[in-house]
PDB file of N, CA and C in Angstrom:
ATOM      1  N   MET A   1     -38.656  31.657-136.941  1.00  0.00           N
ATOM      2  CA  MET A   1     -39.633  32.329-137.774  1.00  0.00           C
ATOM      3  C   MET A   1     -39.493  31.836-139.213  1.00  0.00           C
ATOM      4  N   LYS A   2     -40.607  31.444-139.796  1.00  0.00           N
ATOM      5  CA  LYS A   2     -40.601  30.959-141.172  1.00  0.00           C
ATOM      6  C   LYS A   2     -40.490  32.153-142.120  1.00  0.00           C
ATOM      7  N   MET A   3     -39.625  32.013-143.119  1.00  0.00           N
ATOM      8  CA  MET A   3     -39.450  33.074-144.107  1.00  0.00           C
ATOM      9  C   MET A   3     -39.635  32.476-145.499  1.00  0.00           C
ATOM     10  N   TYR A   4     -40.058  33.330-146.406  1.00  0.00           N
ATOM     11  CA  TYR A   4     -40.248  32.926-147.801  1.00  0.00           C
ATOM     12  C   TYR A   4     -39.314  33.714-148.701  1.00  0.00           C
ATOM     13  N   LYS A   5     -38.879  33.050-149.756  1.00  0.00           N
ATOM     14  CA  LYS A   5     -38.145  33.732-150.833  1.00  0.00           C
ATOM     15  C   LYS A   5     -39.056  33.640-152.050  1.00  0.00           C
ATOM     16  N   ILE A   6     -39.541  34.799-152.501  1.00  0.00           N
ATOM     17  CA  ILE A   6     -40.438  34.834-153.650  1.00  0.00           C
ATOM     18  C   ILE A   6     -39.688  35.479-154.815  1.00  0.00           C
ATOM     19  N   THR A   7     -39.541  34.738-155.899  1.00  0.00           N
ATOM     20  CA  THR A   7     -38.885  35.261-157.099  1.00  0.00           C
ATOM     21  C   THR A   7     -39.974  35.618-158.096  1.00  0.00           C
ATOM     22  N   VAL A   8     -40.067  36.898-158.418  1.00  0.00           N
ATOM     23  CA  VAL A   8     -41.103  37.398-159.317  1.00  0.00           C
ATOM     24  C   VAL A   8     -40.472  37.719-160.669  1.00  0.00           C
ATOM     25  N   GLN A   9     -40.975  37.108-161.724  1.00  0.00           N
ATOM     26  CA  GLN A   9     -40.504  37.409-163.081  1.00  0.00           C
ATOM     27  C   GLN A   9     -41.281  38.625-163.578  1.00  0.00           C
ATOM     28  N   ILE A  10     -40.554  39.634-164.044  1.00  0.00           N
ATOM     29  CA  ILE A  10     -41.142  40.911-164.437  1.00  0.00           C
ATOM     30  C   ILE A  10     -40.606  41.318-165.801  1.00  0.00           C
ATOM     31  N   ASP A  11     -41.489  41.800-166.659  1.00  0.00           N
ATOM     32  CA  ASP A  11     -41.075  42.278-167.966  1.00  0.00           C
ATOM     33  C   ASP A  11     -41.178  43.798-167.995  1.00  0.00           C
ATOM     34  N   GLY A  12     -40.188  44.449-168.597  1.00  0.00           N
ATOM     35  CA  GLY A  12     -40.262  45.893-168.782  1.00  0.00           C
ATOM     36  C   GLY A  12     -39.198  46.699-168.063  1.00  0.00           C
ATOM     37  N   MET A  13     -38.459  46.087-167.122  1.00  0.00           N
ATOM     38  CA  MET A  13     -37.384  46.824-166.439  1.00  0.00           C
ATOM     39  C   MET A  13     -36.200  46.934-167.398  1.00  0.00           C
ATOM     40  N   MET A  14     -35.666  48.158-167.564  1.00  0.00           N
ATOM     41  CA  MET A  14     -34.594  48.378-168.538  1.00  0.00           C
ATOM     42  C   MET A  14     -33.259  48.805-167.928  1.00  0.00           C
ATOM     43  N   CYS A  15     -33.280  49.284-166.674  1.00  0.00           N
ATOM     44  CA  CYS A  15     -32.052  49.873-166.125  1.00  0.00           C
ATOM     45  C   CYS A  15     -32.082  49.864-164.602  1.00  0.00           C
ATOM     46  N   GLY A  16     -31.046  50.406-164.005  1.00  0.00           N
ATOM     47  CA  GLY A  16     -30.946  50.492-162.549  1.00  0.00           C
ATOM     48  C   GLY A  16     -32.059  51.316-161.925  1.00  0.00           C
ATOM     49  N   MET A  17     -32.500  52.373-162.619  1.00  0.00           N
ATOM     50  CA  MET A  17     -33.607  53.185-162.087  1.00  0.00           C
ATOM     51  C   MET A  17     -34.895  52.367-162.049  1.00  0.00           C
ATOM     52  N   CYS A  18     -35.094  51.518-163.053  1.00  0.00           N
ATOM     53  CA  CYS A  18     -36.265  50.637-163.077  1.00  0.00           C
ATOM     54  C   CYS A  18     -36.227  49.692-161.864  1.00  0.00           C
ATOM     55  N   GLU A  19     -35.023  49.170-161.565  1.00  0.00           N
ATOM     56  CA  GLU A  19     -34.865  48.270-160.416  1.00  0.00           C
ATOM     57  C   GLU A  19     -35.257  48.985-159.124  1.00  0.00           C
ATOM     58  N   SER A  20     -34.769  50.217-158.952  1.00  0.00           N
ATOM     59  CA  SER A  20     -35.093  51.002-157.747  1.00  0.00           C
ATOM     60  C   SER A  20     -36.590  51.275-157.672  1.00  0.00           C
ATOM     61  N   HIS A  21     -37.162  51.613-158.799  1.00  0.00           N
ATOM     62  CA  HIS A  21     -38.594  51.898-158.891  1.00  0.00           C
ATOM     63  C   HIS A  21     -39.405  50.680-158.453  1.00  0.00           C
ATOM     64  N   MET A  22     -39.002  49.501-158.925  1.00  0.00           N
ATOM     65  CA  MET A  22     -39.711  48.263-158.580  1.00  0.00           C
ATOM     66  C   MET A  22     -39.509  47.914-157.103  1.00  0.00           C
ATOM     67  N   ASP A  23     -38.262  48.061-156.602  1.00  0.00           N
ATOM     68  CA  ASP A  23     -37.989  47.796-155.181  1.00  0.00           C
ATOM     69  C   ASP A  23     -38.881  48.675-154.303  1.00  0.00           C
ATOM     70  N   ASP A  24     -38.935  49.974-154.636  1.00  0.00           N
ATOM     71  CA  ASP A  24     -39.760  50.911-153.860  1.00  0.00           C
ATOM     72  C   ASP A  24     -41.242  50.537-153.954  1.00  0.00           C
ATOM     73  N   GLY A  25     -41.653  50.109-155.136  1.00  0.00           N
ATOM     74  CA  GLY A  25     -43.049  49.699-155.322  1.00  0.00           C
ATOM     75  C   GLY A  25     -43.426  48.558-154.395  1.00  0.00           C
ATOM     76  N   PHE A  26     -42.558  47.548-154.312  1.00  0.00           N
ATOM     77  CA  PHE A  26     -42.826  46.424-153.409  1.00  0.00           C
ATOM     78  C   PHE A  26     -42.796  46.870-151.941  1.00  0.00           C
ATOM     79  N   ARG A  27     -41.803  47.683-151.578  1.00  0.00           N
ATOM     80  CA  ARG A  27     -41.701  48.151-150.188  1.00  0.00           C
ATOM     81  C   ARG A  27     -42.927  48.967-149.778  1.00  0.00           C
ATOM     82  N   ASN A  28     -43.408  49.816-150.680  1.00  0.00           N
ATOM     83  CA  ASN A  28     -44.579  50.640-150.379  1.00  0.00           C
ATOM     84  C   ASN A  28     -45.847  49.802-150.259  1.00  0.00           C
ATOM     85  N   GLU A  29     -45.924  48.766-151.061  1.00  0.00           N
ATOM     86  CA  GLU A  29     -47.127  47.917-151.090  1.00  0.00           C
ATOM     87  C   GLU A  29     -47.169  46.934-149.914  1.00  0.00           C
ATOM     88  N   PHE A  30     -45.981  46.409-149.552  1.00  0.00           N
ATOM     89  CA  PHE A  30     -45.896  45.373-148.508  1.00  0.00           C
ATOM     90  C   PHE A  30     -44.874  45.810-147.458  1.00  0.00           C
ATOM     91  N   SER A  31     -45.337  46.492-146.434  1.00  0.00           N
ATOM     92  CA  SER A  31     -44.425  47.063-145.424  1.00  0.00           C
ATOM     93  C   SER A  31     -43.682  45.990-144.620  1.00  0.00           C
ATOM     94  N   PHE A  32     -44.187  44.754-144.629  1.00  0.00           N
ATOM     95  CA  PHE A  32     -43.598  43.685-143.810  1.00  0.00           C
ATOM     96  C   PHE A  32     -42.415  42.983-144.474  1.00  0.00           C
ATOM     97  N   ILE A  33     -42.137  43.254-145.763  1.00  0.00           N
ATOM     98  CA  ILE A  33     -41.036  42.527-146.400  1.00  0.00           C
ATOM     99  C   ILE A  33     -39.693  42.920-145.775  1.00  0.00           C
ATOM    100  N   LYS A  34     -38.801  41.951-145.695  1.00  0.00           N
ATOM    101  CA  LYS A  34     -37.501  42.171-145.064  1.00  0.00           C
ATOM    102  C   LYS A  34     -36.475  42.693-146.062  1.00  0.00           C
ATOM    103  N   LYS A  35     -36.555  42.191-147.312  1.00  0.00           N
ATOM    104  CA  LYS A  35     -35.553  42.570-148.314  1.00  0.00           C
ATOM    105  C   LYS A  35     -36.144  42.375-149.702  1.00  0.00           C
ATOM    106  N   VAL A  36     -35.786  43.263-150.609  1.00  0.00           N
ATOM    107  CA  VAL A  36     -36.183  43.084-152.003  1.00  0.00           C
ATOM    108  C   VAL A  36     -35.020  43.520-152.890  1.00  0.00           C
ATOM    109  N   THR A  37     -34.716  42.714-153.895  1.00  0.00           N
ATOM    110  CA  THR A  37     -33.642  43.021-154.831  1.00  0.00           C
ATOM    111  C   THR A  37     -34.156  42.758-156.235  1.00  0.00           C
ATOM    112  N   SER A  38     -34.159  43.777-157.061  1.00  0.00           N
ATOM    113  CA  SER A  38     -34.613  43.626-158.445  1.00  0.00           C
ATOM    114  C   SER A  38     -33.425  43.657-159.394  1.00  0.00           C
ATOM    115  N   SER A  39     -33.553  42.946-160.507  1.00  0.00           N
ATOM    116  CA  SER A  39     -32.501  42.911-161.519  1.00  0.00           C
ATOM    117  C   SER A  39     -33.143  43.017-162.895  1.00  0.00           C
ATOM    118  N   HIS A  40     -32.808  44.085-163.625  1.00  0.00           N
ATOM    119  CA  HIS A  40     -33.378  44.222-164.968  1.00  0.00           C
ATOM    120  C   HIS A  40     -32.781  43.193-165.929  1.00  0.00           C
ATOM    121  N   SER A  41     -31.528  42.789-165.707  1.00  0.00           N
ATOM    122  CA  SER A  41     -30.914  41.801-166.607  1.00  0.00           C
ATOM    123  C   SER A  41     -31.519  40.408-166.402  1.00  0.00           C
ATOM    124  N   ASP A  42     -31.896  40.083-165.158  1.00  0.00           N
ATOM    125  CA  ASP A  42     -32.547  38.794-164.879  1.00  0.00           C
ATOM    126  C   ASP A  42     -34.061  38.873-165.091  1.00  0.00           C
ATOM    127  N   LYS A  43     -34.574  40.101-165.281  1.00  0.00           N
ATOM    128  CA  LYS A  43     -36.016  40.340-165.394  1.00  0.00           C
ATOM    129  C   LYS A  43     -36.763  39.782-164.184  1.00  0.00           C
ATOM    130  N   SER A  44     -36.204  40.054-162.986  1.00  0.00           N
ATOM    131  CA  SER A  44     -36.845  39.507-161.791  1.00  0.00           C
ATOM    132  C   SER A  44     -36.604  40.373-160.563  1.00  0.00           C
ATOM    133  N   SER A  45     -37.461  40.138-159.562  1.00  0.00           N
ATOM    134  CA  SER A  45     -37.284  40.710-158.232  1.00  0.00           C
ATOM    135  C   SER A  45     -37.320  39.550-157.252  1.00  0.00           C
ATOM    136  N   VAL A  46     -36.428  39.576-156.265  1.00  0.00           N
ATOM    137  CA  VAL A  46     -36.410  38.545-155.231  1.00  0.00           C
ATOM    138  C   VAL A  46     -36.822  39.220-153.927  1.00  0.00           C
ATOM    139  N   ILE A  47     -37.878  38.691-153.323  1.00  0.00           N
ATOM    140  CA  ILE A  47     -38.430  39.257-152.096  1.00  0.00           C
ATOM    141  C   ILE A  47     -38.224  38.259-150.968  1.00  0.00           C
ATOM    142  N   ILE A  48     -37.673  38.743-149.847  1.00  0.00           N
ATOM    143  CA  ILE A  48     -37.551  37.922-148.638  1.00  0.00           C
ATOM    144  C   ILE A  48     -38.598  38.461-147.674  1.00  0.00           C
ATOM    145  N   THR A  49     -39.504  37.575-147.241  1.00  0.00           N
ATOM    146  CA  THR A  49     -40.639  38.027-146.442  1.00  0.00           C
ATOM    147  C   THR A  49     -41.095  36.971-145.431  1.00  0.00           C
ATOM    148  N   PRO A  50     -41.585  37.415-144.266  1.00  0.00           N
ATOM    149  CA  PRO A  50     -42.123  36.472-143.290  1.00  0.00           C
ATOM    150  C   PRO A  50     -43.546  36.019-143.656  1.00  0.00           C
ATOM    151  N   GLU A  51     -44.195  36.738-144.577  1.00  0.00           N
ATOM    152  CA  GLU A  51     -45.565  36.410-144.983  1.00  0.00           C
ATOM    153  C   GLU A  51     -45.591  36.089-146.470  1.00  0.00           C
ATOM    154  N   ASP A  52     -46.348  35.052-146.835  1.00  0.00           N
ATOM    155  CA  ASP A  52     -46.509  34.758-148.252  1.00  0.00           C
ATOM    156  C   ASP A  52     -47.345  35.879-148.875  1.00  0.00           C
ATOM    157  N   ILE A  53     -47.101  36.153-150.146  1.00  0.00           N
ATOM    158  CA  ILE A  53     -47.854  37.174-150.871  1.00  0.00           C
ATOM    159  C   ILE A  53     -48.456  36.494-152.091  1.00  0.00           C
ATOM    160  N   SER A  54     -49.755  36.620-152.270  1.00  0.00           N
ATOM    161  CA  SER A  54     -50.426  35.939-153.389  1.00  0.00           C
ATOM    162  C   SER A  54     -49.983  36.512-154.735  1.00  0.00           C
ATOM    163  N   ASP A  55     -50.110  35.696-155.771  1.00  0.00           N
ATOM    164  CA  ASP A  55     -49.778  36.148-157.126  1.00  0.00           C
ATOM    165  C   ASP A  55     -50.605  37.382-157.495  1.00  0.00           C
ATOM    166  N   ASP A  56     -51.870  37.390-157.102  1.00  0.00           N
ATOM    167  CA  ASP A  56     -52.739  38.536-157.410  1.00  0.00           C
ATOM    168  C   ASP A  56     -52.195  39.826-156.832  1.00  0.00           C
ATOM    169  N   LYS A  57     -51.753  39.775-155.574  1.00  0.00           N
ATOM    170  CA  LYS A  57     -51.206  40.975-154.910  1.00  0.00           C
ATOM    171  C   LYS A  57     -49.885  41.396-155.550  1.00  0.00           C
ATOM    172  N   LEU A  58     -49.050  40.419-155.896  1.00  0.00           N
ATOM    173  CA  LEU A  58     -47.775  40.719-156.546  1.00  0.00           C
ATOM    174  C   LEU A  58     -48.020  41.357-157.913  1.00  0.00           C
ATOM    175  N   LYS A  59     -48.957  40.786-158.666  1.00  0.00           N
ATOM    176  CA  LYS A  59     -49.291  41.298-160.005  1.00  0.00           C
ATOM    177  C   LYS A  59     -49.769  42.747-159.895  1.00  0.00           C
ATOM    178  N   GLU A  60     -50.621  43.003-158.914  1.00  0.00           N
ATOM    179  CA  GLU A  60     -51.155  44.344-158.692  1.00  0.00           C
ATOM    180  C   GLU A  60     -50.015  45.337-158.407  1.00  0.00           C
ATOM    181  N   ALA A  61     -49.082  44.936-157.552  1.00  0.00           N
ATOM    182  CA  ALA A  61     -47.953  45.808-157.190  1.00  0.00           C
ATOM    183  C   ALA A  61     -47.056  46.077-158.399  1.00  0.00           C
ATOM    184  N   VAL A  62     -46.783  45.041-159.183  1.00  0.00           N
ATOM    185  CA  VAL A  62     -45.923  45.181-160.370  1.00  0.00           C
ATOM    186  C   VAL A  62     -46.586  46.102-161.393  1.00  0.00           C
ATOM    187  N   GLU A  63     -47.853  45.861-161.664  1.00  0.00           N
ATOM    188  CA  GLU A  63     -48.548  46.637-162.689  1.00  0.00           C
ATOM    189  C   GLU A  63     -48.802  48.075-162.257  1.00  0.00           C
ATOM    190  N   LYS A  64     -48.982  48.279-160.954  1.00  0.00           N
ATOM    191  CA  LYS A  64     -49.138  49.636-160.416  1.00  0.00           C
ATOM    192  C   LYS A  64     -47.854  50.441-160.646  1.00  0.00           C
ATOM    193  N   THR A  65     -46.722  49.742-160.664  1.00  0.00           N
ATOM    194  CA  THR A  65     -45.424  50.388-160.867  1.00  0.00           C
ATOM    195  C   THR A  65     -45.128  50.588-162.357  1.00  0.00           C
ATOM    196  N   GLY A  66     -45.934  49.960-163.227  1.00  0.00           N
ATOM    197  CA  GLY A  66     -45.786  50.187-164.664  1.00  0.00           C
ATOM    198  C   GLY A  66     -45.089  49.079-165.437  1.00  0.00           C
ATOM    199  N   TYR A  67     -44.905  47.923-164.804  1.00  0.00           N
ATOM    200  CA  TYR A  67     -44.246  46.805-165.465  1.00  0.00           C
ATOM    201  C   TYR A  67     -45.229  45.652-165.637  1.00  0.00           C
ATOM    202  N   LYS A  68     -44.771  44.578-166.282  1.00  0.00           N
ATOM    203  CA  LYS A  68     -45.655  43.443-166.561  1.00  0.00           C
ATOM    204  C   LYS A  68     -45.258  42.237-165.702  1.00  0.00           C
ATOM    205  N   PHE A  69     -46.216  41.744-164.928  1.00  0.00           N
ATOM    206  CA  PHE A  69     -46.030  40.555-164.094  1.00  0.00           C
ATOM    207  C   PHE A  69     -46.063  39.325-164.991  1.00  0.00           C
ATOM    208  N   ILE A  70     -45.041  38.472-164.882  1.00  0.00           N
ATOM    209  CA  ILE A  70     -44.985  37.233-165.667  1.00  0.00           C
ATOM    210  C   ILE A  70     -45.374  36.038-164.795  1.00  0.00           C
ATOM    211  N   SER A  71     -44.646  35.853-163.690  1.00  0.00           N
ATOM    212  CA  SER A  71     -44.916  34.713-162.802  1.00  0.00           C
ATOM    213  C   SER A  71     -44.229  34.939-161.461  1.00  0.00           C
ATOM    214  N   ALA A  72     -44.559  34.069-160.500  1.00  0.00           N
ATOM    215  CA  ALA A  72     -43.901  34.114-159.192  1.00  0.00           C
ATOM    216  C   ALA A  72     -43.650  32.691-158.722  1.00  0.00           C
ATOM    217  N   LYS A  73     -42.504  32.504-158.081  1.00  0.00           N
ATOM    218  CA  LYS A  73     -42.141  31.178-157.575  1.00  0.00           C
ATOM    219  C   LYS A  73     -41.724  31.352-156.117  1.00  0.00           C
ATOM    220  N   ARG A  74     -42.178  30.453-155.277  1.00  0.00           N
ATOM    221  CA  ARG A  74     -41.891  30.545-153.841  1.00  0.00           C
ATOM    222  C   ARG A  74     -41.036  29.379-153.378  1.00  0.00           C
ATOM    223  N   GLU A  75     -40.186  29.666-152.410  1.00  0.00           N
ATOM    224  CA  GLU A  75     -39.424  28.605-151.751  1.00  0.00           C
ATOM    225  C   GLU A  75     -39.147  29.038-150.323  1.00  0.00           C
ATOM    226  N   PRO A  76     -38.932  28.083-149.433  1.00  0.00           N
ATOM    227  CA  PRO A  76     -38.585  28.475-148.060  1.00  0.00           C
ATOM    228  C   PRO A  76     -37.249  29.194-148.069  1.00  0.00           C
ATOM    229  N   TYR A  77     -37.102  30.163-147.202  1.00  0.00           N
ATOM    230  CA  TYR A  77     -35.851  30.922-147.129  1.00  0.00           C
ATOM    231  C   TYR A  77     -35.222  30.685-145.784  1.00  0.00           C
ATOM    232  N   GLU A  78     -33.953  30.292-145.793  1.00  0.00           N
ATOM    233  CA  GLU A  78     -33.212  30.131-144.554  1.00  0.00           C
ATOM    234  C   GLU A  78     -32.041  31.073-144.585  1.00  0.00           C
ATOM    235  N   LYS A  79     -32.001  31.924-143.596  1.00  0.00           N
ATOM    236  CA  LYS A  79     -30.916  32.903-143.535  1.00  0.00           C
ATOM    237  C   LYS A  79     -29.599  32.175-143.320  1.00  0.00           C
ATOM    238  N   LYS A  80     -28.628  32.538-144.122  1.00  0.00           N
ATOM    239  CA  LYS A  80     -27.301  31.949-143.983  1.00  0.00           C
ATOM    240  C   LYS A  80     -26.482  32.871-143.093  1.00  0.00           C
ATOM    241  N   GLY A  81     -26.391  32.511-141.836  1.00  0.00           N
ATOM    242  CA  GLY A  81     -25.661  33.336-140.885  1.00  0.00           C
ATOM    243  C   GLY A  81     -24.167  33.121-141.002  1.00  0.00           C
ATOM    244  N   LEU A  82     -23.416  33.989-140.373  1.00  0.00           N
ATOM    245  CA  LEU A  82     -21.964  33.928-140.393  1.00  0.00           C
ATOM    246  C   LEU A  82     -21.458  32.625-139.767  1.00  0.00           C
ATOM    247  N   PHE A  83     -22.197  32.103-138.780  1.00  0.00           N
ATOM    248  CA  PHE A  83     -21.723  30.954-138.040  1.00  0.00           C
ATOM    249  C   PHE A  83     -22.437  29.656-138.431  1.00  0.00           C
ATOM    250  N   SER A  84     -23.169  29.661-139.536  1.00  0.00           N
ATOM    251  CA  SER A  84     -23.936  28.474-139.910  1.00  0.00           C
ATOM    252  C   SER A  84     -23.135  27.498-140.773  1.00  0.00           C
ATOM    253  N   PHE A  85     -21.893  27.835-141.094  1.00  0.00           N
ATOM    254  CA  PHE A  85     -21.074  26.966-141.930  1.00  0.00           C
ATOM    255  C   PHE A  85     -20.897  25.609-141.263  1.00  0.00           C
ATOM    256  N   GLY A  86     -21.230  24.564-142.008  1.00  0.00           N
ATOM    257  CA  GLY A  86     -21.032  23.204-141.493  1.00  0.00           C
ATOM    258  C   GLY A  86     -22.105  22.749-140.519  1.00  0.00           C
ATOM    259  N   VAL A  87     -23.078  23.586-140.225  1.00  0.00           N
ATOM    260  CA  VAL A  87     -24.147  23.218-139.293  1.00  0.00           C
ATOM    261  C   VAL A  87     -25.266  22.557-140.089  1.00  0.00           C
ATOM    262  N   LYS A  88     -25.725  21.410-139.603  1.00  0.00           N
ATOM    263  CA  LYS A  88     -26.819  20.705-140.303  1.00  0.00           C
ATOM    264  C   LYS A  88     -28.126  20.978-139.601  1.00  0.00           C
TER     265      LYS A  88
END
């Protein structure tokens, strides 16, 4: 299964509660995402998802939560399993 890692740059998160608020916002908006981790110090959220999410949809989710969408960057995501060490 193909997975995406989407790193969303967000302005306005100030603390751990902001991170939780943003994580919940993404989870509520996109029920199919596998994992989301937000960091106020990095000013970003990292989303692991089987479906790509357009910048427009991400912007809508961020702004609905009360923060400012800056940008989004996508890359393929490969799960690093416990037994994948040394496997090519």
